[in-house]
Amino acid sequence: MPMKSLFHLTPAAHRLPAAPAPDWTLFLDRDGVINHAGEGQYITRPEDFVFLPGVPGAIARLSQWFGRVIVITNQQCVGKGLISPEALDLLHQYMTASLTAAGGRIDRVYHCPHLAAAGCTCRKPLPGMVLQAAADDPHINFSKAVFVGDALRDLQVGRSQGMVTVFIAPQVPDDEVRPWADAVFAGLPELADWVTGR
C-alpha cells in the first residue's frame, strides 16, 4: 500500500512492528484523533461524540496489531464543572462499546480532569497518565510503544518516555511540531494502512 505520510518517516518510525506484536502498546489521544474535536466546545454527551471518518475500522485493524490500545486524554471540562466524572465515564463507555461493535477495542482510558492551571502531574505534556498506565500493567514497555496525537503535548509525552511519536494532522505540521514527530499521517486510517501494509 502506498504510504500516505505528509512528510518522510524518521528511522524511529520503522521501529513500529511489521507484524502483529502483542508486546507493543498503542497510546491514542482522543479529541482530533478518534473523534471530531468540538469547535471551541467540550464534548459532554454521547450524542455529540462523532468518530472521525474511518476511525472505527482503523482501530479494529490496529487492535489486531498491538497488544494493548490505551486512550490518554486531557479533559479539563471536568475541572470546569461542565461534565461530572460519572458522565465522562459514560461517554467513554459509549466510545469503547462503539469501537468494540466495529471489531476493535480500547483496553483502558485515562483522563486528566484538572484545570490547566492546577499544577497536576497528569495533564499532558506531563507523563503522569502513561506512567499510571505502566504501573497498572507491568507488561507495558515504553520502548515498544507508540503515542499518536494531534497536538505537540502528545508528542512530548511520547518522546519523554522513549516512544515512537505519530502526529495526526490534515496538513503539514509547523516547524514547532515537526521535530517531535517520527511520522505524520492525515488520520488513523492512513496510519493503519501503513502499519499493517508493510
N, C-alpha and C. Protein backbone atom coordinates (compact mmCIF):
# COMPACT_ATOMS: atom_id res chain seq x y z
N MET A 1 0.84 -1.19 0.00
CA MET A 1 0.00 0.00 0.00
C MET A 1 0.87 1.24 0.00
N PRO A 2 0.46 2.28 -0.70
CA PRO A 2 1.27 3.50 -0.71
C PRO A 2 1.25 4.17 0.64
N MET A 3 2.38 4.73 1.00
CA MET A 3 2.47 5.45 2.26
C MET A 3 1.82 6.81 2.10
N LYS A 4 0.99 7.20 3.05
CA LYS A 4 0.27 8.47 2.97
C LYS A 4 0.74 9.41 4.06
N SER A 5 2.05 9.42 4.33
CA SER A 5 2.60 10.34 5.29
C SER A 5 2.73 11.71 4.63
N LEU A 6 2.61 12.76 5.44
CA LEU A 6 2.72 14.10 4.88
C LEU A 6 4.16 14.56 4.79
N PHE A 7 5.08 13.87 5.44
CA PHE A 7 6.49 14.06 5.16
C PHE A 7 7.20 12.78 5.54
N HIS A 8 8.47 12.68 5.19
CA HIS A 8 9.17 11.42 5.33
C HIS A 8 9.18 10.91 6.77
N LEU A 9 9.06 9.62 6.89
CA LEU A 9 9.17 8.97 8.19
C LEU A 9 10.62 9.03 8.66
N THR A 10 10.80 9.18 9.95
CA THR A 10 12.15 9.10 10.50
C THR A 10 12.51 7.64 10.72
N PRO A 11 13.79 7.34 10.91
CA PRO A 11 14.17 5.95 11.20
C PRO A 11 13.44 5.37 12.41
N ALA A 12 13.14 6.22 13.39
CA ALA A 12 12.45 5.72 14.58
C ALA A 12 11.09 5.13 14.24
N ALA A 13 10.42 5.66 13.23
CA ALA A 13 9.10 5.15 12.87
C ALA A 13 9.16 3.70 12.43
N HIS A 14 10.28 3.29 11.89
CA HIS A 14 10.42 1.92 11.40
C HIS A 14 10.61 0.92 12.53
N ARG A 15 10.65 1.41 13.78
CA ARG A 15 10.63 0.51 14.92
C ARG A 15 9.25 -0.10 15.11
N LEU A 16 8.21 0.54 14.57
CA LEU A 16 6.86 0.00 14.72
C LEU A 16 6.82 -1.41 14.12
N PRO A 17 6.11 -2.32 14.77
CA PRO A 17 6.14 -3.72 14.33
C PRO A 17 5.56 -3.90 12.94
N ALA A 18 6.22 -4.73 12.15
CA ALA A 18 5.77 -5.04 10.79
C ALA A 18 4.87 -6.27 10.76
N ALA A 19 4.58 -6.81 11.92
CA ALA A 19 3.66 -7.93 12.07
C ALA A 19 2.98 -7.77 13.42
N PRO A 20 1.83 -8.42 13.63
CA PRO A 20 1.16 -8.29 14.92
C PRO A 20 2.12 -8.58 16.08
N ALA A 21 2.11 -7.69 17.06
CA ALA A 21 3.09 -7.76 18.15
C ALA A 21 2.38 -7.55 19.49
N PRO A 22 2.07 -8.61 20.20
CA PRO A 22 1.34 -8.47 21.46
C PRO A 22 2.11 -7.74 22.55
N ASP A 23 3.43 -7.58 22.36
CA ASP A 23 4.22 -6.87 23.38
C ASP A 23 4.28 -5.37 23.12
N TRP A 24 3.61 -4.87 22.08
CA TRP A 24 3.59 -3.45 21.78
C TRP A 24 2.30 -2.80 22.29
N THR A 25 2.40 -1.52 22.63
CA THR A 25 1.27 -0.75 23.14
C THR A 25 1.01 0.45 22.24
N LEU A 26 -0.26 0.68 21.94
CA LEU A 26 -0.69 1.83 21.16
C LEU A 26 -1.40 2.81 22.10
N PHE A 27 -0.80 3.98 22.30
CA PHE A 27 -1.43 5.05 23.07
C PHE A 27 -2.07 6.03 22.09
N LEU A 28 -3.33 6.36 22.34
CA LEU A 28 -4.07 7.27 21.47
C LEU A 28 -4.61 8.46 22.25
N ASP A 29 -4.37 9.66 21.74
CA ASP A 29 -5.12 10.83 22.19
C ASP A 29 -6.56 10.64 21.73
N ARG A 30 -7.49 11.38 22.31
CA ARG A 30 -8.89 11.20 21.93
C ARG A 30 -9.35 12.24 20.91
N ASP A 31 -9.59 13.48 21.38
CA ASP A 31 -10.18 14.51 20.52
C ASP A 31 -9.23 14.87 19.38
N GLY A 32 -9.73 14.80 18.16
CA GLY A 32 -8.92 15.11 16.99
C GLY A 32 -8.18 13.91 16.43
N VAL A 33 -8.18 12.80 17.15
CA VAL A 33 -7.57 11.56 16.67
C VAL A 33 -8.64 10.48 16.48
N ILE A 34 -9.46 10.30 17.51
CA ILE A 34 -10.54 9.31 17.44
C ILE A 34 -11.85 9.96 17.00
N ASN A 35 -12.14 11.12 17.53
CA ASN A 35 -13.41 11.79 17.27
C ASN A 35 -13.18 13.24 16.88
N HIS A 36 -14.20 13.82 16.26
CA HIS A 36 -14.16 15.24 15.93
C HIS A 36 -14.02 16.04 17.22
N ALA A 37 -13.08 16.95 17.24
CA ALA A 37 -12.94 17.85 18.39
C ALA A 37 -14.00 18.93 18.29
N GLY A 38 -14.63 19.24 19.41
CA GLY A 38 -15.62 20.30 19.41
C GLY A 38 -14.97 21.64 19.09
N GLU A 39 -15.60 22.41 18.26
CA GLU A 39 -15.07 23.71 17.87
C GLU A 39 -15.33 24.72 19.00
N GLY A 40 -14.34 24.87 19.88
CA GLY A 40 -14.48 25.79 20.99
C GLY A 40 -15.40 25.29 22.08
N GLN A 41 -15.86 24.04 21.96
CA GLN A 41 -16.75 23.47 22.96
C GLN A 41 -16.23 22.10 23.37
N TYR A 42 -16.59 21.69 24.57
CA TYR A 42 -16.22 20.36 25.04
C TYR A 42 -17.32 19.36 24.69
N ILE A 43 -16.92 18.15 24.44
CA ILE A 43 -17.88 17.09 24.17
C ILE A 43 -18.31 16.50 25.51
N THR A 44 -19.57 16.65 25.83
CA THR A 44 -20.06 16.24 27.15
C THR A 44 -21.19 15.22 27.07
N ARG A 45 -21.66 14.90 25.86
CA ARG A 45 -22.78 13.95 25.71
C ARG A 45 -22.45 12.93 24.64
N PRO A 46 -22.86 11.68 24.82
CA PRO A 46 -22.60 10.67 23.78
C PRO A 46 -23.13 11.08 22.41
N GLU A 47 -24.27 11.77 22.36
CA GLU A 47 -24.83 12.15 21.07
C GLU A 47 -23.99 13.18 20.34
N ASP A 48 -23.06 13.83 21.05
CA ASP A 48 -22.16 14.79 20.42
C ASP A 48 -20.81 14.18 20.08
N PHE A 49 -20.63 12.91 20.43
CA PHE A 49 -19.37 12.23 20.17
C PHE A 49 -19.46 11.61 18.78
N VAL A 50 -18.68 12.16 17.84
CA VAL A 50 -18.73 11.73 16.44
C VAL A 50 -17.34 11.24 16.02
N PHE A 51 -17.27 9.98 15.62
CA PHE A 51 -15.99 9.43 15.19
C PHE A 51 -15.52 10.10 13.90
N LEU A 52 -14.23 10.31 13.80
CA LEU A 52 -13.65 10.79 12.55
C LEU A 52 -13.80 9.71 11.48
N PRO A 53 -13.85 10.09 10.20
CA PRO A 53 -14.09 9.11 9.14
C PRO A 53 -13.07 7.97 9.16
N GLY A 54 -13.57 6.75 9.11
CA GLY A 54 -12.72 5.57 9.01
C GLY A 54 -12.06 5.13 10.29
N VAL A 55 -12.28 5.87 11.39
CA VAL A 55 -11.57 5.55 12.63
C VAL A 55 -11.98 4.22 13.24
N PRO A 56 -13.28 3.89 13.33
CA PRO A 56 -13.61 2.59 13.92
C PRO A 56 -12.95 1.42 13.20
N GLY A 57 -12.94 1.45 11.88
CA GLY A 57 -12.28 0.39 11.12
C GLY A 57 -10.78 0.39 11.32
N ALA A 58 -10.19 1.58 11.41
CA ALA A 58 -8.74 1.67 11.62
C ALA A 58 -8.36 1.12 12.98
N ILE A 59 -9.13 1.44 14.00
CA ILE A 59 -8.83 0.92 15.34
C ILE A 59 -9.05 -0.59 15.38
N ALA A 60 -10.01 -1.10 14.62
CA ALA A 60 -10.19 -2.55 14.54
C ALA A 60 -8.94 -3.22 13.98
N ARG A 61 -8.35 -2.63 12.95
CA ARG A 61 -7.12 -3.21 12.38
C ARG A 61 -5.95 -3.06 13.32
N LEU A 62 -5.82 -1.89 13.94
CA LEU A 62 -4.69 -1.66 14.84
C LEU A 62 -4.82 -2.51 16.11
N SER A 63 -6.05 -2.83 16.51
CA SER A 63 -6.24 -3.67 17.68
C SER A 63 -5.69 -5.07 17.47
N GLN A 64 -5.65 -5.50 16.22
CA GLN A 64 -5.08 -6.81 15.91
C GLN A 64 -3.55 -6.76 15.86
N TRP A 65 -3.00 -5.56 15.78
CA TRP A 65 -1.56 -5.39 15.62
C TRP A 65 -0.85 -5.15 16.95
N PHE A 66 -1.55 -4.47 17.87
CA PHE A 66 -0.95 -4.06 19.14
C PHE A 66 -1.59 -4.83 20.30
N GLY A 67 -0.75 -5.20 21.27
CA GLY A 67 -1.23 -5.96 22.40
C GLY A 67 -2.14 -5.17 23.31
N ARG A 68 -1.94 -3.87 23.37
CA ARG A 68 -2.76 -3.00 24.21
C ARG A 68 -3.07 -1.72 23.44
N VAL A 69 -4.31 -1.24 23.59
CA VAL A 69 -4.73 0.02 22.99
C VAL A 69 -5.30 0.87 24.12
N ILE A 70 -4.67 2.00 24.38
CA ILE A 70 -4.98 2.81 25.56
C ILE A 70 -5.21 4.26 25.14
N VAL A 71 -6.28 4.85 25.62
CA VAL A 71 -6.58 6.25 25.34
C VAL A 71 -6.06 7.11 26.48
N ILE A 72 -5.38 8.20 26.14
CA ILE A 72 -4.80 9.15 27.09
C ILE A 72 -5.32 10.53 26.72
N THR A 73 -6.15 11.15 27.58
CA THR A 73 -6.81 12.38 27.16
C THR A 73 -6.90 13.41 28.28
N ASN A 74 -6.59 14.65 27.96
CA ASN A 74 -6.84 15.78 28.87
C ASN A 74 -8.32 16.14 28.78
N GLN A 75 -8.98 16.23 29.92
CA GLN A 75 -10.40 16.60 29.93
C GLN A 75 -10.66 17.58 31.07
N GLN A 76 -10.15 18.82 30.89
CA GLN A 76 -10.35 19.81 31.94
C GLN A 76 -11.80 20.29 32.02
N CYS A 77 -12.64 19.81 31.12
CA CYS A 77 -14.07 20.10 31.24
C CYS A 77 -14.62 19.58 32.57
N VAL A 78 -13.99 18.54 33.13
CA VAL A 78 -14.39 18.05 34.44
C VAL A 78 -14.06 19.10 35.49
N GLY A 79 -12.83 19.60 35.45
CA GLY A 79 -12.42 20.63 36.40
C GLY A 79 -13.22 21.91 36.28
N LYS A 80 -13.73 22.18 35.08
CA LYS A 80 -14.55 23.38 34.87
C LYS A 80 -16.00 23.18 35.28
N GLY A 81 -16.33 21.95 35.67
CA GLY A 81 -17.70 21.68 36.09
C GLY A 81 -18.67 21.51 34.96
N LEU A 82 -18.19 21.29 33.73
CA LEU A 82 -19.07 21.14 32.58
C LEU A 82 -19.58 19.72 32.42
N ILE A 83 -18.89 18.77 33.04
CA ILE A 83 -19.30 17.37 33.00
C ILE A 83 -18.80 16.71 34.27
N SER A 84 -19.60 15.81 34.80
CA SER A 84 -19.19 15.11 36.01
C SER A 84 -18.27 13.94 35.65
N PRO A 85 -17.45 13.48 36.58
CA PRO A 85 -16.62 12.30 36.31
C PRO A 85 -17.46 11.10 35.88
N GLU A 86 -18.63 10.95 36.46
CA GLU A 86 -19.50 9.83 36.11
C GLU A 86 -20.01 9.95 34.67
N ALA A 87 -20.36 11.16 34.27
CA ALA A 87 -20.84 11.36 32.90
C ALA A 87 -19.71 11.16 31.89
N LEU A 88 -18.50 11.57 32.26
CA LEU A 88 -17.36 11.33 31.38
C LEU A 88 -17.11 9.83 31.23
N ASP A 89 -17.24 9.09 32.31
CA ASP A 89 -17.09 7.63 32.23
C ASP A 89 -18.13 7.03 31.28
N LEU A 90 -19.36 7.52 31.35
CA LEU A 90 -20.40 7.02 30.45
C LEU A 90 -20.08 7.36 29.00
N LEU A 91 -19.52 8.54 28.77
CA LEU A 91 -19.11 8.93 27.42
C LEU A 91 -18.04 7.98 26.89
N HIS A 92 -17.09 7.65 27.75
CA HIS A 92 -16.03 6.74 27.33
C HIS A 92 -16.53 5.30 27.18
N GLN A 93 -17.53 4.94 27.96
CA GLN A 93 -18.15 3.63 27.77
C GLN A 93 -18.83 3.56 26.41
N TYR A 94 -19.47 4.65 26.02
CA TYR A 94 -20.10 4.71 24.69
C TYR A 94 -19.04 4.57 23.60
N MET A 95 -17.95 5.31 23.73
CA MET A 95 -16.87 5.23 22.75
C MET A 95 -16.33 3.80 22.65
N THR A 96 -16.04 3.21 23.80
CA THR A 96 -15.45 1.88 23.83
C THR A 96 -16.40 0.84 23.25
N ALA A 97 -17.68 0.92 23.64
CA ALA A 97 -18.67 -0.04 23.14
C ALA A 97 -18.84 0.08 21.63
N SER A 98 -18.82 1.31 21.11
CA SER A 98 -18.97 1.53 19.67
C SER A 98 -17.79 0.93 18.92
N LEU A 99 -16.59 1.09 19.46
CA LEU A 99 -15.40 0.54 18.80
C LEU A 99 -15.38 -0.99 18.90
N THR A 100 -15.85 -1.53 20.02
CA THR A 100 -15.96 -2.99 20.14
C THR A 100 -16.94 -3.54 19.11
N ALA A 101 -18.05 -2.85 18.90
CA ALA A 101 -19.04 -3.29 17.92
C ALA A 101 -18.46 -3.26 16.50
N ALA A 102 -17.48 -2.41 16.27
CA ALA A 102 -16.84 -2.31 14.96
C ALA A 102 -15.67 -3.27 14.81
N GLY A 103 -15.43 -4.10 15.84
CA GLY A 103 -14.36 -5.09 15.76
C GLY A 103 -13.05 -4.66 16.39
N GLY A 104 -13.03 -3.49 17.03
CA GLY A 104 -11.81 -3.01 17.68
C GLY A 104 -11.91 -3.13 19.18
N ARG A 105 -11.00 -2.47 19.86
CA ARG A 105 -11.06 -2.48 21.31
C ARG A 105 -10.26 -1.31 21.87
N ILE A 106 -10.67 -0.86 23.04
CA ILE A 106 -9.90 0.06 23.86
C ILE A 106 -9.74 -0.64 25.21
N ASP A 107 -8.51 -0.89 25.61
CA ASP A 107 -8.28 -1.64 26.84
C ASP A 107 -8.45 -0.78 28.08
N ARG A 108 -8.02 0.47 28.01
CA ARG A 108 -8.15 1.37 29.15
C ARG A 108 -8.26 2.80 28.63
N VAL A 109 -8.91 3.65 29.43
CA VAL A 109 -8.97 5.08 29.16
C VAL A 109 -8.48 5.81 30.40
N TYR A 110 -7.49 6.68 30.21
CA TYR A 110 -7.00 7.52 31.30
C TYR A 110 -7.29 8.97 30.93
N HIS A 111 -7.82 9.72 31.89
CA HIS A 111 -8.08 11.12 31.61
C HIS A 111 -7.55 11.98 32.76
N CYS A 112 -7.13 13.18 32.40
CA CYS A 112 -6.76 14.18 33.40
C CYS A 112 -7.93 15.13 33.53
N PRO A 113 -8.54 15.23 34.72
CA PRO A 113 -9.70 16.09 34.89
C PRO A 113 -9.35 17.51 35.32
N HIS A 114 -8.08 17.79 35.51
CA HIS A 114 -7.68 19.03 36.17
C HIS A 114 -7.62 20.22 35.22
N LEU A 115 -7.81 21.39 35.77
CA LEU A 115 -7.64 22.62 35.01
C LEU A 115 -6.17 22.78 34.61
N ALA A 116 -5.95 23.48 33.52
CA ALA A 116 -4.59 23.67 33.03
C ALA A 116 -3.71 24.35 34.07
N ALA A 117 -4.30 25.21 34.89
CA ALA A 117 -3.53 25.96 35.88
C ALA A 117 -3.42 25.24 37.22
N ALA A 118 -3.90 24.00 37.29
CA ALA A 118 -3.96 23.32 38.58
C ALA A 118 -2.60 22.82 39.07
N GLY A 119 -1.65 22.67 38.14
CA GLY A 119 -0.32 22.21 38.54
C GLY A 119 -0.25 20.73 38.85
N CYS A 120 -1.11 19.93 38.23
CA CYS A 120 -1.09 18.49 38.45
C CYS A 120 0.09 17.86 37.70
N THR A 121 0.28 16.58 37.91
CA THR A 121 1.36 15.86 37.22
C THR A 121 0.84 14.96 36.11
N CYS A 122 -0.49 15.00 35.88
CA CYS A 122 -1.04 14.08 34.88
C CYS A 122 -1.42 14.77 33.57
N ARG A 123 -1.61 16.07 33.59
CA ARG A 123 -2.05 16.75 32.37
C ARG A 123 -0.92 16.77 31.35
N LYS A 124 -1.22 16.26 30.13
CA LYS A 124 -0.22 16.34 29.07
C LYS A 124 0.15 17.80 28.82
N PRO A 125 1.43 18.10 28.64
CA PRO A 125 2.54 17.23 28.22
C PRO A 125 3.27 16.48 29.34
N LEU A 126 2.82 16.57 30.57
CA LEU A 126 3.45 15.77 31.63
C LEU A 126 3.03 14.31 31.47
N PRO A 127 3.87 13.38 31.92
CA PRO A 127 3.66 11.96 31.59
C PRO A 127 2.86 11.17 32.61
N GLY A 128 2.17 11.85 33.54
CA GLY A 128 1.53 11.13 34.63
C GLY A 128 0.60 10.02 34.19
N MET A 129 -0.19 10.24 33.14
CA MET A 129 -1.16 9.23 32.73
C MET A 129 -0.49 8.00 32.14
N VAL A 130 0.56 8.18 31.33
CA VAL A 130 1.21 7.00 30.77
C VAL A 130 2.00 6.26 31.84
N LEU A 131 2.53 6.99 32.81
CA LEU A 131 3.23 6.34 33.92
C LEU A 131 2.24 5.53 34.76
N GLN A 132 1.03 6.05 34.93
CA GLN A 132 0.00 5.31 35.65
C GLN A 132 -0.39 4.05 34.88
N ALA A 133 -0.50 4.19 33.56
CA ALA A 133 -0.82 3.01 32.74
C ALA A 133 0.23 1.93 32.90
N ALA A 134 1.49 2.32 32.92
CA ALA A 134 2.57 1.35 33.09
C ALA A 134 2.56 0.74 34.49
N ALA A 135 2.18 1.54 35.49
CA ALA A 135 2.08 1.00 36.84
C ALA A 135 0.95 -0.02 36.94
N ASP A 136 -0.15 0.25 36.20
CA ASP A 136 -1.29 -0.66 36.22
C ASP A 136 -1.04 -1.93 35.42
N ASP A 137 -0.19 -1.85 34.42
CA ASP A 137 0.09 -3.01 33.55
C ASP A 137 1.60 -3.15 33.38
N PRO A 138 2.23 -4.04 34.13
CA PRO A 138 3.69 -4.18 34.05
C PRO A 138 4.19 -4.70 32.71
N HIS A 139 3.28 -5.12 31.84
CA HIS A 139 3.70 -5.59 30.51
C HIS A 139 3.99 -4.42 29.56
N ILE A 140 3.59 -3.21 29.95
CA ILE A 140 3.85 -2.06 29.09
C ILE A 140 5.33 -1.72 29.13
N ASN A 141 5.93 -1.65 27.95
CA ASN A 141 7.33 -1.29 27.78
C ASN A 141 7.36 -0.10 26.84
N PHE A 142 7.77 1.07 27.33
CA PHE A 142 7.71 2.27 26.51
C PHE A 142 8.61 2.20 25.28
N SER A 143 9.62 1.35 25.31
CA SER A 143 10.46 1.20 24.11
C SER A 143 9.73 0.41 23.03
N LYS A 144 8.59 -0.19 23.40
CA LYS A 144 7.74 -0.89 22.44
C LYS A 144 6.33 -0.28 22.52
N ALA A 145 6.30 1.03 22.30
CA ALA A 145 5.04 1.76 22.37
C ALA A 145 5.07 2.92 21.39
N VAL A 146 3.88 3.33 20.98
CA VAL A 146 3.73 4.48 20.10
C VAL A 146 2.67 5.38 20.70
N PHE A 147 2.92 6.69 20.63
CA PHE A 147 1.93 7.66 21.08
C PHE A 147 1.43 8.42 19.86
N VAL A 148 0.12 8.40 19.65
CA VAL A 148 -0.50 9.04 18.49
C VAL A 148 -1.34 10.21 18.99
N GLY A 149 -1.07 11.40 18.48
CA GLY A 149 -1.82 12.56 18.92
C GLY A 149 -1.87 13.64 17.85
N ASP A 150 -2.67 14.67 18.13
CA ASP A 150 -2.82 15.76 17.17
C ASP A 150 -2.34 17.08 17.74
N ALA A 151 -1.56 17.03 18.82
CA ALA A 151 -1.04 18.24 19.44
C ALA A 151 0.40 18.01 19.89
N LEU A 152 1.14 19.09 19.99
CA LEU A 152 2.53 19.00 20.42
C LEU A 152 2.64 18.31 21.76
N ARG A 153 1.73 18.57 22.67
CA ARG A 153 1.81 17.97 24.01
C ARG A 153 1.77 16.45 23.95
N ASP A 154 1.05 15.89 22.98
CA ASP A 154 1.01 14.43 22.83
C ASP A 154 2.37 13.88 22.45
N LEU A 155 3.00 14.55 21.49
CA LEU A 155 4.32 14.11 21.03
C LEU A 155 5.35 14.25 22.16
N GLN A 156 5.22 15.29 22.96
CA GLN A 156 6.16 15.50 24.06
C GLN A 156 6.04 14.39 25.10
N VAL A 157 4.83 13.94 25.39
CA VAL A 157 4.65 12.82 26.31
C VAL A 157 5.34 11.58 25.76
N GLY A 158 5.05 11.25 24.51
CA GLY A 158 5.64 10.06 23.93
C GLY A 158 7.16 10.12 23.87
N ARG A 159 7.68 11.24 23.43
CA ARG A 159 9.14 11.38 23.29
C ARG A 159 9.82 11.32 24.66
N SER A 160 9.18 11.87 25.70
CA SER A 160 9.80 11.88 27.03
C SER A 160 9.99 10.49 27.58
N GLN A 161 9.19 9.53 27.09
CA GLN A 161 9.28 8.16 27.59
C GLN A 161 9.90 7.21 26.56
N GLY A 162 10.45 7.76 25.50
CA GLY A 162 11.15 6.93 24.52
C GLY A 162 10.25 6.21 23.54
N MET A 163 9.00 6.66 23.39
CA MET A 163 8.08 6.02 22.44
C MET A 163 8.29 6.56 21.02
N VAL A 164 7.77 5.81 20.05
CA VAL A 164 7.62 6.34 18.70
C VAL A 164 6.47 7.34 18.74
N THR A 165 6.62 8.47 18.08
CA THR A 165 5.58 9.50 18.10
C THR A 165 4.98 9.68 16.71
N VAL A 166 3.66 9.72 16.66
CA VAL A 166 2.94 9.89 15.39
C VAL A 166 2.00 11.08 15.53
N PHE A 167 2.11 12.00 14.60
CA PHE A 167 1.27 13.19 14.60
C PHE A 167 0.15 13.01 13.59
N ILE A 168 -1.08 13.26 14.02
CA ILE A 168 -2.24 13.21 13.14
C ILE A 168 -2.60 14.64 12.76
N ALA A 169 -2.58 14.91 11.45
CA ALA A 169 -2.80 16.29 11.01
C ALA A 169 -3.34 16.29 9.59
N PRO A 170 -4.33 17.14 9.30
CA PRO A 170 -4.84 17.23 7.94
C PRO A 170 -3.93 18.01 7.01
N GLN A 171 -2.91 18.65 7.58
CA GLN A 171 -1.98 19.41 6.76
C GLN A 171 -0.58 19.28 7.37
N VAL A 172 0.42 19.69 6.62
CA VAL A 172 1.80 19.58 7.09
C VAL A 172 1.98 20.38 8.38
N PRO A 173 2.56 19.77 9.41
CA PRO A 173 2.71 20.48 10.68
C PRO A 173 3.72 21.62 10.58
N ASP A 174 3.61 22.55 11.53
CA ASP A 174 4.51 23.69 11.52
C ASP A 174 5.87 23.29 12.10
N ASP A 175 6.79 24.21 12.07
CA ASP A 175 8.17 23.91 12.46
C ASP A 175 8.28 23.57 13.94
N GLU A 176 7.33 24.01 14.76
CA GLU A 176 7.38 23.68 16.18
C GLU A 176 7.09 22.20 16.41
N VAL A 177 6.16 21.66 15.66
CA VAL A 177 5.74 20.27 15.84
C VAL A 177 6.67 19.29 15.14
N ARG A 178 7.12 19.65 13.96
CA ARG A 178 7.84 18.71 13.09
C ARG A 178 8.98 17.96 13.79
N PRO A 179 9.84 18.62 14.58
CA PRO A 179 10.95 17.87 15.18
C PRO A 179 10.52 16.81 16.19
N TRP A 180 9.30 16.90 16.69
CA TRP A 180 8.83 15.97 17.72
C TRP A 180 8.16 14.73 17.13
N ALA A 181 7.85 14.76 15.84
CA ALA A 181 7.08 13.69 15.21
C ALA A 181 7.99 12.73 14.46
N ASP A 182 7.86 11.44 14.76
CA ASP A 182 8.57 10.42 13.99
C ASP A 182 7.84 10.11 12.69
N ALA A 183 6.55 10.42 12.64
CA ALA A 183 5.77 10.23 11.42
C ALA A 183 4.55 11.13 11.49
N VAL A 184 4.04 11.49 10.33
CA VAL A 184 2.81 12.29 10.25
C VAL A 184 1.87 11.60 9.28
N PHE A 185 0.64 11.42 9.70
CA PHE A 185 -0.40 10.87 8.83
C PHE A 185 -1.63 11.75 8.92
N ALA A 186 -2.44 11.73 7.88
CA ALA A 186 -3.64 12.56 7.86
C ALA A 186 -4.67 12.08 8.87
N GLY A 187 -4.64 10.79 9.22
CA GLY A 187 -5.60 10.25 10.17
C GLY A 187 -5.24 8.84 10.56
N LEU A 188 -5.99 8.26 11.48
CA LEU A 188 -5.73 6.89 11.89
C LEU A 188 -5.88 5.89 10.75
N PRO A 189 -6.81 6.07 9.80
CA PRO A 189 -6.87 5.11 8.70
C PRO A 189 -5.57 5.04 7.90
N GLU A 190 -4.94 6.20 7.68
CA GLU A 190 -3.68 6.20 6.94
C GLU A 190 -2.56 5.54 7.75
N LEU A 191 -2.55 5.78 9.06
CA LEU A 191 -1.57 5.10 9.91
C LEU A 191 -1.79 3.59 9.85
N ALA A 192 -3.04 3.16 9.97
CA ALA A 192 -3.33 1.72 9.91
C ALA A 192 -2.93 1.12 8.57
N ASP A 193 -3.15 1.85 7.48
CA ASP A 193 -2.73 1.38 6.15
C ASP A 193 -1.23 1.10 6.13
N TRP A 194 -0.47 2.05 6.68
CA TRP A 194 0.99 1.90 6.62
C TRP A 194 1.47 0.80 7.56
N VAL A 195 0.98 0.80 8.78
CA VAL A 195 1.45 -0.18 9.77
C VAL A 195 1.14 -1.60 9.30
N THR A 196 -0.08 -1.83 8.85
CA THR A 196 -0.49 -3.20 8.52
C THR A 196 -0.17 -3.58 7.08
N GLY A 197 0.27 -2.61 6.28
CA GLY A 197 0.50 -2.89 4.86
C GLY A 197 1.93 -3.11 4.48
N ARG A 198 2.85 -3.06 5.47
CA ARG A 198 4.27 -3.24 5.13
C ARG A 198 4.59 -4.70 4.88
